[in-house]
Every structure is written in C-alpha cells, then in structure tokens.
C-alpha atoms as a PDB file:
ATOM      1  CA  MET A   1      -0.337  -0.208   0.196  1.00  0.00           C
ATOM      2  CA  LYS A   2       1.261   3.281  -0.874  1.00  0.00           C
ATOM      3  CA  ARG A   3       1.759   5.788   1.850  1.00  0.00           C
ATOM      4  CA  PHE A   4      -0.502   9.073   1.452  1.00  0.00           C
ATOM      5  CA  PRO A   5       1.548  11.975  -0.050  1.00  0.00           C
ATOM      6  CA  SER A   6       2.045  13.845   3.238  1.00  0.00           C
ATOM      7  CA  ILE A   7       3.587  16.781   5.136  1.00  0.00           C
ATOM      8  CA  LYS A   8       4.842  15.964   8.335  1.00  0.00           C
ATOM      9  CA  LYS A   9       8.063  17.758   9.825  1.00  0.00           C
ATOM     10  CA  ASN A  10       7.981  21.172  11.174  1.00  0.00           C
ATOM     11  CA  THR A  11      10.539  22.342   9.488  1.00  0.00           C
ATOM     12  CA  GLU A  12       8.322  21.899   6.487  1.00  0.00           C
ATOM     13  CA  PHE A  13       5.263  23.478   7.704  1.00  0.00           C
ATOM     14  CA  ARG A  14       7.644  26.341   8.768  1.00  0.00           C
ATOM     15  CA  GLU A  15       9.423  26.852   5.334  1.00  0.00           C
ATOM     16  CA  ILE A  16       5.304  26.720   4.048  1.00  0.00           C
ATOM     17  CA  TYR A  17       4.309  29.271   6.200  1.00  0.00           C
ATOM     18  CA  ASP A  18       7.504  31.621   5.081  1.00  0.00           C
ATOM     19  CA  THR A  19       7.785  31.512   1.305  1.00  0.00           C
ATOM     20  CA  GLY A  20       3.988  30.051   0.369  1.00  0.00           C
ATOM     21  CA  LYS A  21       1.091  32.415  -0.954  1.00  0.00           C
ATOM     22  CA  PRO A  22      -2.031  32.024   1.471  1.00  0.00           C
ATOM     23  CA  ARG A  23      -5.464  32.343   0.410  1.00  0.00           C
ATOM     24  CA  ALA A  24      -8.143  31.796   2.368  1.00  0.00           C
ATOM     25  CA  ASN A  25     -11.989  31.183   3.085  1.00  0.00           C
ATOM     26  CA  LYS A  26     -14.994  31.169   5.755  1.00  0.00           C
ATOM     27  CA  TYR A  27     -13.381  27.813   6.862  1.00  0.00           C
ATOM     28  CA  LEU A  28      -9.882  27.525   5.486  1.00  0.00           C
ATOM     29  CA  VAL A  29      -6.926  28.971   5.062  1.00  0.00           C
ATOM     30  CA  MET A  30      -4.288  27.392   2.277  1.00  0.00           C
ATOM     31  CA  TYR A  31      -0.119  27.856   1.736  1.00  0.00           C
ATOM     32  CA  VAL A  32       1.206  26.633  -1.532  1.00  0.00           C
ATOM     33  CA  ARG A  33       4.585  26.250  -2.516  1.00  0.00           C
ATOM     34  CA  LYS A  34       5.811  24.630  -5.058  1.00  0.00           C
ATOM     35  CA  ASN A  35       8.061  21.209  -4.331  1.00  0.00           C
ATOM     36  CA  GLY A  36       9.903  20.216  -7.278  1.00  0.00           C
ATOM     37  CA  LEU A  37       8.840  17.213  -7.155  1.00  0.00           C
ATOM     38  CA  ASP A  38       6.315  14.891  -9.534  1.00  0.00           C
ATOM     39  CA  HIS A  39       3.974  14.542  -6.937  1.00  0.00           C
ATOM     40  CA  SER A  40       1.517  17.510  -4.658  1.00  0.00           C
ATOM     41  CA  ARG A  41       1.498  16.804  -0.986  1.00  0.00           C
ATOM     42  CA  ILE A  42      -0.664  18.429   1.734  1.00  0.00           C
ATOM     43  CA  GLY A  43      -0.522  18.946   5.916  1.00  0.00           C
ATOM     44  CA  ILE A  44      -3.289  19.834   7.324  1.00  0.00           C
ATOM     45  CA  SER A  45      -3.074  22.083  10.649  1.00  0.00           C
ATOM     46  CA  VAL A  46      -5.827  22.331  13.250  1.00  0.00           C
ATOM     47  CA  SER A  47      -5.816  23.952  16.194  1.00  0.00           C
ATOM     48  CA  LYS A  48      -7.183  22.861  19.714  1.00  0.00           C
ATOM     49  CA  LYS A  49      -9.417  26.335  19.774  1.00  0.00           C
ATOM     50  CA  ILE A  50     -11.218  23.686  17.306  1.00  0.00           C
ATOM     51  CA  GLY A  51     -12.524  20.884  19.750  1.00  0.00           C
ATOM     52  CA  ASN A  52     -11.252  18.218  21.480  1.00  0.00           C
ATOM     53  CA  SER A  53      -9.504  15.377  19.162  1.00  0.00           C
ATOM     54  CA  VAL A  54     -12.398  13.552  18.288  1.00  0.00           C
ATOM     55  CA  VAL A  55     -13.484  17.158  16.171  1.00  0.00           C
ATOM     56  CA  ARG A  56      -9.801  18.220  14.801  1.00  0.00           C
ATOM     57  CA  HIS A  57      -9.280  14.319  13.498  1.00  0.00           C
ATOM     58  CA  ARG A  58     -12.441  14.642  11.703  1.00  0.00           C
ATOM     59  CA  MET A  59     -11.794  17.805   9.911  1.00  0.00           C
ATOM     60  CA  THR A  60      -8.311  15.604   9.089  1.00  0.00           C
ATOM     61  CA  ARG A  61      -9.717  12.641   7.715  1.00  0.00           C
ATOM     62  CA  LEU A  62     -12.111  15.285   5.782  1.00  0.00           C
ATOM     63  CA  LEU A  63      -9.572  17.217   4.073  1.00  0.00           C
ATOM     64  CA  ARG A  64      -7.092  13.687   3.568  1.00  0.00           C
ATOM     65  CA  GLU A  65      -9.412  12.279   1.681  1.00  0.00           C
ATOM     66  CA  VAL A  66     -11.220  15.323  -0.229  1.00  0.00           C
ATOM     67  CA  PHE A  67      -7.392  15.895  -1.509  1.00  0.00           C
ATOM     68  CA  ARG A  68      -6.973  11.827  -1.579  1.00  0.00           C
ATOM     69  CA  LEU A  69     -10.282  11.956  -4.189  1.00  0.00           C
ATOM     70  CA  HIS A  70      -9.364  15.188  -6.401  1.00  0.00           C
ATOM     71  CA  THR A  71      -5.588  14.377  -6.802  1.00  0.00           C
ATOM     72  CA  SER A  72      -6.445  14.169 -10.365  1.00  0.00           C
ATOM     73  CA  GLU A  73      -7.098  17.707 -10.302  1.00  0.00           C
ATOM     74  CA  ILE A  74      -4.518  19.065  -8.452  1.00  0.00           C
ATOM     75  CA  ARG A  75      -1.661  20.717 -10.869  1.00  0.00           C
ATOM     76  CA  GLN A  76       1.146  18.079  -9.551  1.00  0.00           C
ATOM     77  CA  GLY A  77       4.503  19.284  -7.878  1.00  0.00           C
ATOM     78  CA  ASN A  78       3.110  21.476  -5.254  1.00  0.00           C
ATOM     79  CA  ASP A  79       3.338  21.325  -1.446  1.00  0.00           C
ATOM     80  CA  PHE A  80      -0.085  22.498   0.463  1.00  0.00           C
ATOM     81  CA  VAL A  81      -0.881  23.561   4.370  1.00  0.00           C
ATOM     82  CA  VAL A  82      -3.928  23.660   5.068  1.00  0.00           C
ATOM     83  CA  VAL A  83      -4.957  25.460   8.445  1.00  0.00           C
ATOM     84  CA  VAL A  84      -8.650  24.920   9.672  1.00  0.00           C
ATOM     85  CA  ARG A  85     -10.344  27.685  10.825  1.00  0.00           C
ATOM     86  CA  LYS A  86     -12.875  27.819  14.069  1.00  0.00           C
ATOM     87  CA  THR A  87     -16.040  28.150  11.399  1.00  0.00           C
ATOM     88  CA  ALA A  88     -15.268  24.709  10.018  1.00  0.00           C
ATOM     89  CA  ALA A  89     -15.844  22.670  13.312  1.00  0.00           C
ATOM     90  CA  GLY A  90     -19.086  20.969  12.094  1.00  0.00           C
ATOM     91  CA  LEU A  91     -19.010  20.977   8.126  1.00  0.00           C
ATOM     92  CA  SER A  92     -19.931  18.004   6.347  1.00  0.00           C
ATOM     93  CA  TYR A  93     -17.766  16.552   4.002  1.00  0.00           C
ATOM     94  CA  ARG A  94     -19.186  18.312   0.954  1.00  0.00           C
ATOM     95  CA  GLU A  95     -18.949  22.001   2.668  1.00  0.00           C
ATOM     96  CA  THR A  96     -15.445  20.781   3.514  1.00  0.00           C
ATOM     97  CA  GLU A  97     -14.692  19.455   0.130  1.00  0.00           C
ATOM     98  CA  LYS A  98     -16.343  22.932  -1.664  1.00  0.00           C
ATOM     99  CA  ALA A  99     -14.583  25.246   0.949  1.00  0.00           C
ATOM    100  CA  PHE A 100     -10.945  23.341  -0.263  1.00  0.00           C
ATOM    101  CA  LEU A 101     -12.104  23.362  -4.269  1.00  0.00           C
ATOM    102  CA  HIS A 102     -12.786  27.262  -3.541  1.00  0.00           C
ATOM    103  CA  LEU A 103      -9.222  28.028  -2.686  1.00  0.00           C
ATOM    104  CA  LEU A 104      -7.545  25.814  -5.445  1.00  0.00           C
ATOM    105  CA  GLN A 105      -9.395  27.650  -7.861  1.00  0.00           C
ATOM    106  CA  LEU A 106      -7.878  31.090  -6.199  1.00  0.00           C
ATOM    107  CA  HIS A 107      -4.770  29.447  -6.572  1.00  0.00           C
ATOM    108  CA  GLY A 108      -5.307  28.351  -9.752  1.00  0.00           C
ATOM    109  CA  LEU A 109      -4.169  25.295  -9.243  1.00  0.00           C
ATOM    110  CA  ARG A 110      -7.418  23.088 -10.539  1.00  0.00           C
ATOM    111  CA  THR A 111      -7.297  21.695 -13.426  1.00  0.00           C
ATOM    112  CA  GLY A 112     -10.984  19.932 -14.201  1.00  0.00           C
ATOM    113  CA  SER A 113     -14.200  21.734 -13.036  1.00  0.00           C
END
C-alpha cells in the first residue's frame, strides 16, 4: 500500500508558511509552494481551539479524503498546508470539499471543473 503524500516535519510546515502564498475563505486557509517533485503533498493543521480530538481528527480525515479524491484535478508539484478555521468545526464532507476546491480555484491549481 502506498503512503499518503503528507507533510509531517515542523521545518517543512514553517518553510511553507514563510515562503508559500496564502489564500483563505470562511473555513480554511491554504498555503501553497512549489516542491520540485512530480507529486503534490498536503499538511493539515487543526488547532485545539477547533474542538476536542474527535472533532480535530474528523476535520483532518475529511480534508485528506478530499485531497485524495481530487488529486487528478490538482496541478502536481506543489506543497499545500491547510489550516482549519474555527468556523469549520461542524462541516459536512460536501461543505469541506467545496471550501477546499474553492481555495484551489483561487490559487489557480485546479485543472478540471
């Protein structure tokens, strides 16, 4: 089984925060930076302010699944760091998907519609 392409190291998160381009909507903030690889990676940051661990992990799973299902629509070779805002705490999958795809559109990284 292939590993999920994620960003885990704090130094990588910091680098993307410092040099990446941020775009935001009501629910999410997305930082994007070119990574020089042939695939894209995602890092998800959910603060304790969002809720307890169940709520935080649910948001992480939803975002990871949206990224996985829409990988074919995303221009490859970028690192994404998605920061979940407090307003996103009770979102459904469809609402999370819509917010994520909206940010991809703002960054100009969505190939399909």
